[in-house]
Every structure is written in C-alpha cells, then in structure tokens.
Amino acid sequence: MKFICAAAQLYNRVFSDLQAFLAPWFPGLFARIVFAATLWLYFLNSALTKVGSGIAGFFMVSNSAYYQIALPAVEAAGGDVSAVPFLPWGLVVHLGTYTEFLLPLMIIAGILTRLSAIGMLGFIAVQTLVDITVHQVGPETIGALFDRFPDSAILDQRLFWTVPLVLLIVYGPGKISVDHLAARIMKKPA
C-alpha cells in the first residue's frame, strides 16, 4: 500500500510540475503548429482558387469564388457572375475569399489569436453549411459521429479541425506569439 501511495504522489508531482512548466506557453504554440501543419495549405490552396493568378490577380476575385461561395445567387443570375448583385452576395464572396487568406496567417503568427480562432470556427461552420446545402454532398461525405468510420470529410475531419482552434480560444496563443509580444510592449512604461 505504501508503494502505491508513493507512486501516486510521484505521478502527481511529475505531471503537476510538467503542467506548471508547459501551461504558459505550450498549448497555444502546439495548437498553432498543428493548425499550420495540417490546415494552412488547405485553406491557402482553397483561397487561391478564388482569385486570379499572379500578384495583380490576388486583388481580383474570380468567377470561381462566386460559384464556390454563392452558387444560388449565380444560378439566380442565369449563370452570369457579373449579374450577381454586390450587396449582399459580392460582399460575402469578397469577405469570404480574403478571410480565407487572412485568418490562417493571423492564427499562425498569433495575431488577435482568440478572435481569429473564433473567426475560423465560423468560417468552417459556413463552409460546412455550404457544402451540405448548396453543393449537396452525399451522406458518405458527411459521415456520422460516434460510428466506427473515422474518415468522413465533413463531420469527422472538420471536428478535428476545431480542436486546435478551441485550444487557442481557451488557452490563447502562448508566449511565442505576436499577441504576447504586443502585451509585453503595452505593459512597459512610456
């Protein structure tokens, strides 16, 4: 019995010390690294399909963006993207396109990280809603939670996508971030 108590105390001491050391900086940094390693290129490539090519093309939202984001409005305009009204659809397409570029970069750098993570959660929710209702993906793509198949593109994968974002909302970006640097600069007396 003494051995079990000593082992439990050692276990608790080791892991409480580890938590005390890691808590201020590790969860946020780890979540940002996971996001960068698994999702940044996905969102970057997706966003690139919504703008023209080259540097000048970056500032021109392509017809593809309208088809991906506002398909019902394009169909209502008879397939003519130029006939889609700017308010609200054009604005939604422009904001959606550039948000897909900006929010991932802000998360990776740790700039307004909690707000950026909330924005990405919203972006993923809208993306999922558009995939299911507008693009009408099938049940095999949507999948189901709590089943024995962990590979559906919508429910399973996107639930995993939310994990680093929720960690960033709860724990913040950590000490190795622009947010932390800005907070330190703002605390310094003038």
N, C-alpha and C. Protein backbone atom coordinates (compact mmCIF):
# COMPACT_ATOMS: atom_id res chain seq x y z
N MET A 1 0.82 -1.19 0.00
CA MET A 1 0.00 0.00 0.00
C MET A 1 0.87 1.26 0.00
N LYS A 2 1.98 1.22 0.78
CA LYS A 2 2.89 2.36 0.82
C LYS A 2 3.46 2.64 -0.57
N PHE A 3 3.79 1.58 -1.29
CA PHE A 3 4.35 1.73 -2.64
C PHE A 3 3.35 2.41 -3.57
N ILE A 4 2.09 2.03 -3.47
CA ILE A 4 1.05 2.62 -4.33
C ILE A 4 0.88 4.10 -4.02
N CYS A 5 0.90 4.46 -2.76
CA CYS A 5 0.79 5.87 -2.36
C CYS A 5 1.98 6.68 -2.84
N ALA A 6 3.19 6.10 -2.67
CA ALA A 6 4.40 6.80 -3.12
C ALA A 6 4.40 6.96 -4.64
N ALA A 7 3.98 5.93 -5.36
CA ALA A 7 3.90 6.00 -6.81
C ALA A 7 2.88 7.05 -7.24
N ALA A 8 1.75 7.12 -6.56
CA ALA A 8 0.72 8.11 -6.89
C ALA A 8 1.22 9.52 -6.62
N GLN A 9 1.95 9.72 -5.53
CA GLN A 9 2.49 11.04 -5.22
C GLN A 9 3.54 11.45 -6.26
N LEU A 10 4.40 10.51 -6.64
CA LEU A 10 5.40 10.79 -7.66
C LEU A 10 4.73 11.16 -8.99
N TYR A 11 3.75 10.37 -9.34
CA TYR A 11 2.98 10.62 -10.58
C TYR A 11 2.38 12.03 -10.55
N ASN A 12 1.71 12.36 -9.45
CA ASN A 12 1.07 13.68 -9.33
C ASN A 12 2.10 14.80 -9.36
N ARG A 13 3.22 14.63 -8.68
CA ARG A 13 4.26 15.67 -8.64
C ARG A 13 4.87 15.88 -10.02
N VAL A 14 5.22 14.78 -10.69
CA VAL A 14 5.85 14.89 -12.02
C VAL A 14 4.92 15.61 -12.99
N PHE A 15 3.66 15.19 -13.03
CA PHE A 15 2.76 15.78 -14.02
C PHE A 15 2.26 17.16 -13.62
N SER A 16 2.19 17.47 -12.35
CA SER A 16 1.83 18.84 -11.97
C SER A 16 3.00 19.79 -12.27
N ASP A 17 4.24 19.33 -12.07
CA ASP A 17 5.40 20.14 -12.44
C ASP A 17 5.45 20.34 -13.96
N LEU A 18 5.19 19.28 -14.69
CA LEU A 18 5.18 19.38 -16.15
C LEU A 18 4.10 20.35 -16.62
N GLN A 19 2.93 20.26 -16.03
CA GLN A 19 1.84 21.17 -16.39
C GLN A 19 2.20 22.61 -16.05
N ALA A 20 2.78 22.83 -14.89
CA ALA A 20 3.17 24.19 -14.49
C ALA A 20 4.20 24.77 -15.45
N PHE A 21 5.10 23.93 -15.94
CA PHE A 21 6.12 24.40 -16.88
C PHE A 21 5.53 24.68 -18.27
N LEU A 22 4.67 23.79 -18.74
CA LEU A 22 4.15 23.89 -20.11
C LEU A 22 2.96 24.83 -20.26
N ALA A 23 2.14 24.96 -19.24
CA ALA A 23 0.87 25.69 -19.35
C ALA A 23 1.00 27.10 -19.91
N PRO A 24 2.00 27.88 -19.53
CA PRO A 24 2.03 29.26 -20.03
C PRO A 24 2.32 29.40 -21.53
N TRP A 25 2.98 28.42 -22.12
CA TRP A 25 3.40 28.64 -23.50
C TRP A 25 3.10 27.49 -24.45
N PHE A 26 2.99 26.28 -23.98
CA PHE A 26 2.92 25.13 -24.89
C PHE A 26 1.57 24.91 -25.58
N PRO A 27 0.43 24.93 -24.90
CA PRO A 27 -0.83 24.60 -25.60
C PRO A 27 -1.11 25.49 -26.80
N GLY A 28 -0.93 26.80 -26.64
CA GLY A 28 -1.17 27.72 -27.76
C GLY A 28 -0.20 27.53 -28.90
N LEU A 29 1.07 27.38 -28.56
CA LEU A 29 2.09 27.16 -29.60
C LEU A 29 1.82 25.85 -30.32
N PHE A 30 1.54 24.81 -29.58
CA PHE A 30 1.27 23.49 -30.18
C PHE A 30 0.04 23.56 -31.09
N ALA A 31 -1.02 24.21 -30.63
CA ALA A 31 -2.25 24.33 -31.44
C ALA A 31 -1.96 25.09 -32.72
N ARG A 32 -1.14 26.14 -32.67
CA ARG A 32 -0.81 26.92 -33.86
C ARG A 32 0.06 26.11 -34.82
N ILE A 33 0.98 25.31 -34.28
CA ILE A 33 1.82 24.44 -35.13
C ILE A 33 0.96 23.38 -35.80
N VAL A 34 0.05 22.76 -35.05
CA VAL A 34 -0.85 21.76 -35.63
C VAL A 34 -1.70 22.39 -36.72
N PHE A 35 -2.24 23.57 -36.47
CA PHE A 35 -3.04 24.26 -37.47
C PHE A 35 -2.21 24.53 -38.72
N ALA A 36 -0.99 25.04 -38.54
CA ALA A 36 -0.12 25.35 -39.68
C ALA A 36 0.24 24.08 -40.46
N ALA A 37 0.53 23.01 -39.75
CA ALA A 37 0.98 21.78 -40.41
C ALA A 37 -0.15 21.04 -41.12
N THR A 38 -1.38 21.17 -40.64
CA THR A 38 -2.46 20.37 -41.19
C THR A 38 -3.48 21.17 -42.00
N LEU A 39 -3.69 22.43 -41.70
CA LEU A 39 -4.78 23.16 -42.34
C LEU A 39 -4.37 24.38 -43.15
N TRP A 40 -3.22 24.97 -42.87
CA TRP A 40 -2.86 26.21 -43.56
C TRP A 40 -2.80 26.04 -45.07
N LEU A 41 -2.12 25.02 -45.55
CA LEU A 41 -2.02 24.83 -47.01
C LEU A 41 -3.37 24.48 -47.62
N TYR A 42 -4.22 23.79 -46.88
CA TYR A 42 -5.57 23.51 -47.37
C TYR A 42 -6.32 24.82 -47.62
N PHE A 43 -6.33 25.70 -46.61
CA PHE A 43 -7.04 26.96 -46.76
C PHE A 43 -6.37 27.88 -47.78
N LEU A 44 -5.04 27.88 -47.83
CA LEU A 44 -4.33 28.69 -48.81
C LEU A 44 -4.68 28.25 -50.23
N ASN A 45 -4.61 26.96 -50.49
CA ASN A 45 -4.94 26.46 -51.83
C ASN A 45 -6.40 26.71 -52.18
N SER A 46 -7.28 26.56 -51.21
CA SER A 46 -8.69 26.84 -51.44
C SER A 46 -8.89 28.32 -51.78
N ALA A 47 -8.24 29.20 -51.03
CA ALA A 47 -8.36 30.64 -51.29
C ALA A 47 -7.77 31.01 -52.65
N LEU A 48 -6.68 30.36 -53.04
CA LEU A 48 -6.06 30.65 -54.34
C LEU A 48 -6.97 30.31 -55.51
N THR A 49 -7.91 29.39 -55.32
CA THR A 49 -8.85 29.07 -56.40
C THR A 49 -9.89 30.18 -56.56
N LYS A 50 -9.92 31.13 -55.66
CA LYS A 50 -10.93 32.18 -55.68
C LYS A 50 -10.40 33.52 -56.19
N VAL A 51 -9.12 33.59 -56.52
CA VAL A 51 -8.54 34.83 -57.04
C VAL A 51 -7.82 34.54 -58.35
N GLY A 52 -7.47 35.62 -59.05
CA GLY A 52 -6.74 35.47 -60.30
C GLY A 52 -5.30 35.07 -60.04
N SER A 53 -4.56 34.84 -61.12
CA SER A 53 -3.16 34.41 -60.97
C SER A 53 -2.23 35.62 -60.89
N GLY A 54 -1.09 35.41 -60.29
CA GLY A 54 -0.10 36.46 -60.16
C GLY A 54 -0.43 37.45 -59.06
N ILE A 55 0.47 38.42 -58.88
CA ILE A 55 0.30 39.41 -57.82
C ILE A 55 -0.93 40.27 -58.08
N ALA A 56 -1.10 40.74 -59.31
CA ALA A 56 -2.27 41.56 -59.63
C ALA A 56 -3.56 40.74 -59.49
N GLY A 57 -3.48 39.46 -59.85
CA GLY A 57 -4.65 38.59 -59.76
C GLY A 57 -5.14 38.39 -58.34
N PHE A 58 -4.24 38.55 -57.38
CA PHE A 58 -4.62 38.40 -55.99
C PHE A 58 -5.73 39.39 -55.62
N PHE A 59 -5.74 40.53 -56.28
CA PHE A 59 -6.71 41.58 -55.97
C PHE A 59 -7.98 41.48 -56.82
N MET A 60 -8.11 40.40 -57.58
CA MET A 60 -9.30 40.19 -58.40
C MET A 60 -9.97 38.87 -57.99
N VAL A 61 -11.15 38.98 -57.42
CA VAL A 61 -11.90 37.79 -57.05
C VAL A 61 -12.42 37.15 -58.34
N SER A 62 -12.18 35.86 -58.49
CA SER A 62 -12.53 35.16 -59.73
C SER A 62 -13.98 34.70 -59.73
N ASN A 63 -14.45 34.32 -60.92
CA ASN A 63 -15.79 33.75 -61.04
C ASN A 63 -15.91 32.49 -60.19
N SER A 64 -14.80 31.76 -60.07
CA SER A 64 -14.79 30.53 -59.27
C SER A 64 -15.23 30.78 -57.83
N ALA A 65 -14.84 31.93 -57.30
CA ALA A 65 -15.23 32.27 -55.92
C ALA A 65 -16.75 32.37 -55.81
N TYR A 66 -17.37 32.97 -56.81
CA TYR A 66 -18.84 33.09 -56.80
C TYR A 66 -19.49 31.72 -56.87
N TYR A 67 -18.94 30.85 -57.72
CA TYR A 67 -19.51 29.51 -57.83
C TYR A 67 -19.32 28.70 -56.55
N GLN A 68 -18.20 28.90 -55.87
CA GLN A 68 -17.94 28.16 -54.64
C GLN A 68 -18.72 28.69 -53.45
N ILE A 69 -18.87 30.01 -53.36
CA ILE A 69 -19.45 30.61 -52.17
C ILE A 69 -20.94 30.97 -52.36
N ALA A 70 -21.29 31.45 -53.54
CA ALA A 70 -22.65 31.99 -53.75
C ALA A 70 -23.34 31.35 -54.94
N LEU A 71 -23.25 30.05 -55.06
CA LEU A 71 -23.83 29.34 -56.20
C LEU A 71 -25.31 29.65 -56.41
N PRO A 72 -26.15 29.69 -55.37
CA PRO A 72 -27.57 30.02 -55.61
C PRO A 72 -27.75 31.40 -56.26
N ALA A 73 -26.93 32.38 -55.87
CA ALA A 73 -27.03 33.72 -56.46
C ALA A 73 -26.59 33.69 -57.92
N VAL A 74 -25.55 32.92 -58.24
CA VAL A 74 -25.08 32.79 -59.62
C VAL A 74 -26.16 32.11 -60.47
N GLU A 75 -26.76 31.06 -59.94
CA GLU A 75 -27.83 30.38 -60.67
C GLU A 75 -29.03 31.30 -60.88
N ALA A 76 -29.36 32.11 -59.87
CA ALA A 76 -30.48 33.06 -59.99
C ALA A 76 -30.19 34.12 -61.04
N ALA A 77 -28.90 34.41 -61.27
CA ALA A 77 -28.49 35.38 -62.28
C ALA A 77 -28.28 34.71 -63.64
N GLY A 78 -28.76 33.48 -63.79
CA GLY A 78 -28.64 32.77 -65.06
C GLY A 78 -27.22 32.34 -65.39
N GLY A 79 -26.39 32.17 -64.36
CA GLY A 79 -25.01 31.75 -64.56
C GLY A 79 -24.06 32.89 -64.88
N ASP A 80 -24.57 34.12 -64.93
CA ASP A 80 -23.76 35.29 -65.24
C ASP A 80 -23.27 35.93 -63.94
N VAL A 81 -22.01 35.72 -63.62
CA VAL A 81 -21.45 36.23 -62.36
C VAL A 81 -21.54 37.75 -62.31
N SER A 82 -21.37 38.42 -63.44
CA SER A 82 -21.42 39.89 -63.44
C SER A 82 -22.82 40.42 -63.11
N ALA A 83 -23.84 39.57 -63.22
CA ALA A 83 -25.21 39.99 -62.89
C ALA A 83 -25.55 39.75 -61.42
N VAL A 84 -24.66 39.13 -60.67
CA VAL A 84 -24.89 38.90 -59.24
C VAL A 84 -24.72 40.23 -58.52
N PRO A 85 -25.70 40.65 -57.73
CA PRO A 85 -25.58 41.95 -57.05
C PRO A 85 -24.44 41.94 -56.02
N PHE A 86 -23.77 43.09 -55.92
CA PHE A 86 -22.67 43.18 -54.97
C PHE A 86 -23.17 43.05 -53.54
N LEU A 87 -24.30 43.69 -53.25
CA LEU A 87 -24.87 43.56 -51.91
C LEU A 87 -26.04 42.59 -51.97
N PRO A 88 -26.05 41.54 -51.27
CA PRO A 88 -25.06 41.12 -50.28
C PRO A 88 -24.03 40.16 -50.86
N TRP A 89 -24.32 39.53 -52.04
CA TRP A 89 -23.53 38.39 -52.50
C TRP A 89 -22.09 38.73 -52.83
N GLY A 90 -21.86 39.78 -53.56
CA GLY A 90 -20.49 40.15 -53.92
C GLY A 90 -19.65 40.44 -52.68
N LEU A 91 -20.25 41.12 -51.73
CA LEU A 91 -19.56 41.42 -50.48
C LEU A 91 -19.22 40.14 -49.73
N VAL A 92 -20.19 39.22 -49.66
CA VAL A 92 -19.96 37.94 -48.98
C VAL A 92 -18.82 37.18 -49.67
N VAL A 93 -18.81 37.17 -50.99
CA VAL A 93 -17.77 36.46 -51.73
C VAL A 93 -16.40 37.10 -51.48
N HIS A 94 -16.33 38.42 -51.54
CA HIS A 94 -15.05 39.11 -51.30
C HIS A 94 -14.56 38.88 -49.87
N LEU A 95 -15.45 39.06 -48.89
CA LEU A 95 -15.05 38.85 -47.49
C LEU A 95 -14.64 37.39 -47.25
N GLY A 96 -15.41 36.46 -47.79
CA GLY A 96 -15.07 35.05 -47.62
C GLY A 96 -13.74 34.69 -48.22
N THR A 97 -13.47 35.24 -49.41
CA THR A 97 -12.21 34.94 -50.10
C THR A 97 -11.01 35.45 -49.31
N TYR A 98 -11.04 36.71 -48.91
CA TYR A 98 -9.87 37.28 -48.23
C TYR A 98 -9.77 36.85 -46.77
N THR A 99 -10.90 36.48 -46.18
CA THR A 99 -10.86 35.91 -44.84
C THR A 99 -10.13 34.58 -44.85
N GLU A 100 -10.31 33.82 -45.93
CA GLU A 100 -9.64 32.52 -46.04
C GLU A 100 -8.13 32.68 -46.16
N PHE A 101 -7.67 33.80 -46.68
CA PHE A 101 -6.23 34.09 -46.70
C PHE A 101 -5.76 34.60 -45.33
N LEU A 102 -6.49 35.55 -44.78
CA LEU A 102 -6.03 36.31 -43.62
C LEU A 102 -6.09 35.56 -42.29
N LEU A 103 -7.22 34.95 -41.97
CA LEU A 103 -7.36 34.32 -40.65
C LEU A 103 -6.32 33.24 -40.39
N PRO A 104 -6.04 32.32 -41.33
CA PRO A 104 -4.99 31.33 -41.04
C PRO A 104 -3.63 31.96 -40.75
N LEU A 105 -3.28 33.00 -41.48
CA LEU A 105 -1.99 33.67 -41.22
C LEU A 105 -1.97 34.32 -39.84
N MET A 106 -3.09 34.91 -39.45
CA MET A 106 -3.17 35.53 -38.12
C MET A 106 -3.04 34.48 -37.02
N ILE A 107 -3.64 33.32 -37.24
CA ILE A 107 -3.53 32.25 -36.24
C ILE A 107 -2.10 31.75 -36.14
N ILE A 108 -1.46 31.53 -37.26
CA ILE A 108 -0.09 31.01 -37.25
C ILE A 108 0.86 31.99 -36.57
N ALA A 109 0.70 33.29 -36.85
CA ALA A 109 1.58 34.29 -36.24
C ALA A 109 1.18 34.62 -34.80
N GLY A 110 -0.05 34.28 -34.42
CA GLY A 110 -0.51 34.61 -33.08
C GLY A 110 -0.94 36.06 -32.98
N ILE A 111 -1.68 36.54 -33.99
CA ILE A 111 -2.18 37.93 -34.01
C ILE A 111 -3.69 37.90 -33.76
N LEU A 112 -4.12 38.57 -32.69
CA LEU A 112 -5.54 38.53 -32.31
C LEU A 112 -6.04 37.08 -32.38
N THR A 113 -5.28 36.22 -31.75
CA THR A 113 -5.44 34.78 -31.92
C THR A 113 -6.81 34.27 -31.51
N ARG A 114 -7.28 34.67 -30.37
CA ARG A 114 -8.59 34.16 -29.93
C ARG A 114 -9.70 34.59 -30.89
N LEU A 115 -9.69 35.84 -31.29
CA LEU A 115 -10.68 36.34 -32.23
C LEU A 115 -10.52 35.65 -33.59
N SER A 116 -9.28 35.44 -34.03
CA SER A 116 -9.03 34.75 -35.29
C SER A 116 -9.52 33.31 -35.24
N ALA A 117 -9.31 32.65 -34.12
CA ALA A 117 -9.79 31.26 -33.97
C ALA A 117 -11.31 31.20 -33.99
N ILE A 118 -11.96 32.16 -33.35
CA ILE A 118 -13.43 32.22 -33.40
C ILE A 118 -13.87 32.44 -34.84
N GLY A 119 -13.18 33.33 -35.54
CA GLY A 119 -13.49 33.57 -36.95
C GLY A 119 -13.33 32.32 -37.80
N MET A 120 -12.27 31.56 -37.55
CA MET A 120 -12.06 30.32 -38.31
C MET A 120 -13.13 29.28 -37.99
N LEU A 121 -13.55 29.21 -36.73
CA LEU A 121 -14.65 28.30 -36.39
C LEU A 121 -15.91 28.68 -37.17
N GLY A 122 -16.18 29.98 -37.24
CA GLY A 122 -17.32 30.44 -38.02
C GLY A 122 -17.15 30.13 -39.50
N PHE A 123 -15.94 30.31 -40.00
CA PHE A 123 -15.65 30.03 -41.40
C PHE A 123 -15.89 28.55 -41.70
N ILE A 124 -15.41 27.68 -40.83
CA ILE A 124 -15.59 26.23 -41.01
C ILE A 124 -17.07 25.87 -40.94
N ALA A 125 -17.80 26.51 -40.05
CA ALA A 125 -19.25 26.24 -39.94
C ALA A 125 -19.96 26.65 -41.23
N VAL A 126 -19.64 27.82 -41.75
CA VAL A 126 -20.27 28.27 -43.00
C VAL A 126 -19.85 27.38 -44.16
N GLN A 127 -18.57 27.02 -44.21
CA GLN A 127 -18.07 26.13 -45.26
C GLN A 127 -18.83 24.80 -45.22
N THR A 128 -19.04 24.28 -44.04
CA THR A 128 -19.76 23.01 -43.88
C THR A 128 -21.21 23.16 -44.32
N LEU A 129 -21.84 24.25 -43.91
CA LEU A 129 -23.23 24.50 -44.30
C LEU A 129 -23.35 24.62 -45.82
N VAL A 130 -22.43 25.32 -46.46
CA VAL A 130 -22.45 25.47 -47.92
C VAL A 130 -22.23 24.11 -48.59
N ASP A 131 -21.28 23.33 -48.07
CA ASP A 131 -21.03 22.01 -48.66
C ASP A 131 -22.28 21.13 -48.60
N ILE A 132 -22.99 21.17 -47.48
CA ILE A 132 -24.14 20.29 -47.29
C ILE A 132 -25.38 20.80 -48.03
N THR A 133 -25.65 22.11 -47.94
CA THR A 133 -26.90 22.63 -48.50
C THR A 133 -26.77 23.08 -49.95
N VAL A 134 -25.66 23.70 -50.32
CA VAL A 134 -25.52 24.23 -51.68
C VAL A 134 -24.90 23.19 -52.62
N HIS A 135 -23.77 22.64 -52.21
CA HIS A 135 -23.10 21.65 -53.06
C HIS A 135 -23.70 20.26 -52.90
N GLN A 136 -24.55 20.10 -51.92
CA GLN A 136 -25.32 18.88 -51.67
C GLN A 136 -24.47 17.61 -51.71
N VAL A 137 -23.40 17.62 -50.89
CA VAL A 137 -22.57 16.42 -50.77
C VAL A 137 -23.42 15.31 -50.17
N GLY A 138 -23.08 14.09 -50.49
CA GLY A 138 -23.86 12.94 -50.04
C GLY A 138 -23.55 12.51 -48.63
N PRO A 139 -24.36 11.58 -48.12
CA PRO A 139 -24.18 11.10 -46.74
C PRO A 139 -22.83 10.44 -46.51
N GLU A 140 -22.24 9.84 -47.54
CA GLU A 140 -20.92 9.22 -47.36
C GLU A 140 -19.84 10.27 -47.12
N THR A 141 -20.03 11.47 -47.67
CA THR A 141 -19.08 12.56 -47.44
C THR A 141 -19.35 13.23 -46.11
N ILE A 142 -20.62 13.37 -45.76
CA ILE A 142 -20.98 14.00 -44.49
C ILE A 142 -20.56 13.10 -43.33
N GLY A 143 -20.85 11.82 -43.43
CA GLY A 143 -20.48 10.88 -42.38
C GLY A 143 -21.38 10.99 -41.17
N ALA A 144 -20.93 10.40 -40.09
CA ALA A 144 -21.69 10.41 -38.84
C ALA A 144 -20.71 10.37 -37.68
N LEU A 145 -21.09 11.03 -36.61
CA LEU A 145 -20.27 10.98 -35.40
C LEU A 145 -20.62 9.71 -34.63
N PHE A 146 -19.71 9.26 -33.82
CA PHE A 146 -19.90 8.09 -32.96
C PHE A 146 -20.21 6.82 -33.76
N ASP A 147 -19.62 6.74 -34.95
CA ASP A 147 -19.72 5.48 -35.70
C ASP A 147 -18.32 4.87 -35.77
N ARG A 148 -18.17 3.77 -36.44
CA ARG A 148 -16.86 3.10 -36.48
C ARG A 148 -15.98 3.56 -37.62
N PHE A 149 -16.43 4.56 -38.40
CA PHE A 149 -15.67 5.05 -39.54
C PHE A 149 -15.18 6.48 -39.24
N PRO A 150 -13.89 6.65 -38.99
CA PRO A 150 -13.38 7.96 -38.59
C PRO A 150 -12.90 8.83 -39.75
N ASP A 151 -13.39 8.57 -40.97
CA ASP A 151 -12.78 9.23 -42.12
C ASP A 151 -13.73 10.04 -42.98
N SER A 152 -14.89 10.43 -42.46
CA SER A 152 -15.77 11.25 -43.29
C SER A 152 -15.18 12.65 -43.44
N ALA A 153 -15.34 13.22 -44.64
CA ALA A 153 -14.73 14.51 -44.95
C ALA A 153 -15.39 15.67 -44.22
N ILE A 154 -16.63 15.51 -43.83
CA ILE A 154 -17.31 16.64 -43.19
C ILE A 154 -17.28 16.50 -41.66
N LEU A 155 -18.06 15.61 -41.10
CA LEU A 155 -18.19 15.58 -39.64
C LEU A 155 -16.90 15.17 -38.94
N ASP A 156 -16.26 14.10 -39.36
CA ASP A 156 -15.06 13.64 -38.65
C ASP A 156 -13.90 14.61 -38.84
N GLN A 157 -13.56 14.92 -40.08
CA GLN A 157 -12.40 15.78 -40.31
C GLN A 157 -12.60 17.17 -39.73
N ARG A 158 -13.75 17.73 -39.96
CA ARG A 158 -13.96 19.11 -39.50
C ARG A 158 -14.08 19.21 -37.99
N LEU A 159 -14.50 18.15 -37.35
CA LEU A 159 -14.47 18.14 -35.89
C LEU A 159 -13.01 18.20 -35.42
N PHE A 160 -12.14 17.43 -36.07
CA PHE A 160 -10.72 17.50 -35.73
C PHE A 160 -10.15 18.90 -36.02
N TRP A 161 -10.61 19.54 -37.07
CA TRP A 161 -10.14 20.89 -37.39
C TRP A 161 -10.44 21.86 -36.25
N THR A 162 -11.53 21.63 -35.54
CA THR A 162 -11.92 22.57 -34.49
C THR A 162 -11.06 22.45 -33.23
N VAL A 163 -10.42 21.32 -33.05
CA VAL A 163 -9.67 21.09 -31.80
C VAL A 163 -8.57 22.15 -31.58
N PRO A 164 -7.66 22.38 -32.52
CA PRO A 164 -6.65 23.41 -32.24
C PRO A 164 -7.26 24.80 -32.09
N LEU A 165 -8.35 25.06 -32.79
CA LEU A 165 -8.99 26.38 -32.68
C LEU A 165 -9.61 26.58 -31.30
N VAL A 166 -10.26 25.56 -30.78
CA VAL A 166 -10.83 25.66 -29.44
C VAL A 166 -9.72 25.81 -28.40
N LEU A 167 -8.62 25.08 -28.58
CA LEU A 167 -7.48 25.25 -27.66
C LEU A 167 -6.98 26.69 -27.68
N LEU A 168 -6.92 27.30 -28.85
CA LEU A 168 -6.46 28.69 -28.94
C LEU A 168 -7.44 29.65 -28.28
N ILE A 169 -8.71 29.39 -28.39
CA ILE A 169 -9.71 30.25 -27.74
C ILE A 169 -9.57 30.14 -26.23
N VAL A 170 -9.39 28.93 -25.73
CA VAL A 170 -9.33 28.70 -24.28
C VAL A 170 -7.99 29.14 -23.69
N TYR A 171 -6.87 28.73 -24.32
CA TYR A 171 -5.54 28.96 -23.75
C TYR A 171 -4.81 30.17 -24.33
N GLY A 172 -5.28 30.69 -25.45
CA GLY A 172 -4.56 31.78 -26.10
C GLY A 172 -3.39 31.25 -26.90
N PRO A 173 -2.62 32.15 -27.49
CA PRO A 173 -1.55 31.74 -28.42
C PRO A 173 -0.26 31.30 -27.74
N GLY A 174 -0.11 31.56 -26.47
CA GLY A 174 1.15 31.23 -25.78
C GLY A 174 2.13 32.38 -25.85
N LYS A 175 3.27 32.17 -25.23
CA LYS A 175 4.28 33.23 -25.12
C LYS A 175 5.02 33.50 -26.42
N ILE A 176 5.05 32.54 -27.31
CA ILE A 176 5.76 32.73 -28.58
C ILE A 176 4.72 33.14 -29.62
N SER A 177 4.32 34.43 -29.57
CA SER A 177 3.29 34.95 -30.47
C SER A 177 3.37 36.46 -30.52
N VAL A 178 2.79 37.02 -31.56
CA VAL A 178 2.72 38.48 -31.67
C VAL A 178 1.83 39.03 -30.56
N ASP A 179 0.75 38.32 -30.23
CA ASP A 179 -0.12 38.77 -29.13
C ASP A 179 0.65 38.95 -27.83
N HIS A 180 1.48 37.97 -27.50
CA HIS A 180 2.26 38.04 -26.25
C HIS A 180 3.26 39.20 -26.31
N LEU A 181 3.92 39.35 -27.45
CA LEU A 181 4.88 40.44 -27.62
C LEU A 181 4.17 41.79 -27.48
N ALA A 182 3.02 41.94 -28.11
CA ALA A 182 2.27 43.19 -28.03
C ALA A 182 1.85 43.47 -26.59
N ALA A 183 1.42 42.45 -25.87
CA ALA A 183 1.02 42.63 -24.47
C ALA A 183 2.21 43.09 -23.63
N ARG A 184 3.39 42.53 -23.88
CA ARG A 184 4.59 42.93 -23.13
C ARG A 184 4.96 44.38 -23.44
N ILE A 185 4.86 44.77 -24.70
CA ILE A 185 5.21 46.15 -25.09
C ILE A 185 4.23 47.13 -24.46
N MET A 186 2.95 46.76 -24.45
CA MET A 186 1.94 47.67 -23.90
C MET A 186 2.07 47.83 -22.39
N LYS A 187 2.64 46.84 -21.69
CA LYS A 187 2.81 46.92 -20.24
C LYS A 187 3.99 47.79 -19.84
N LYS A 188 4.94 47.99 -20.77
CA LYS A 188 6.12 48.78 -20.44
C LYS A 188 5.74 50.24 -20.24
N PRO A 189 6.29 50.88 -19.21
CA PRO A 189 6.00 52.29 -19.01
C PRO A 189 6.63 53.14 -20.11
N ALA A 190 5.97 54.23 -20.45
CA ALA A 190 6.46 55.12 -21.52
C ALA A 190 7.67 55.88 -21.10
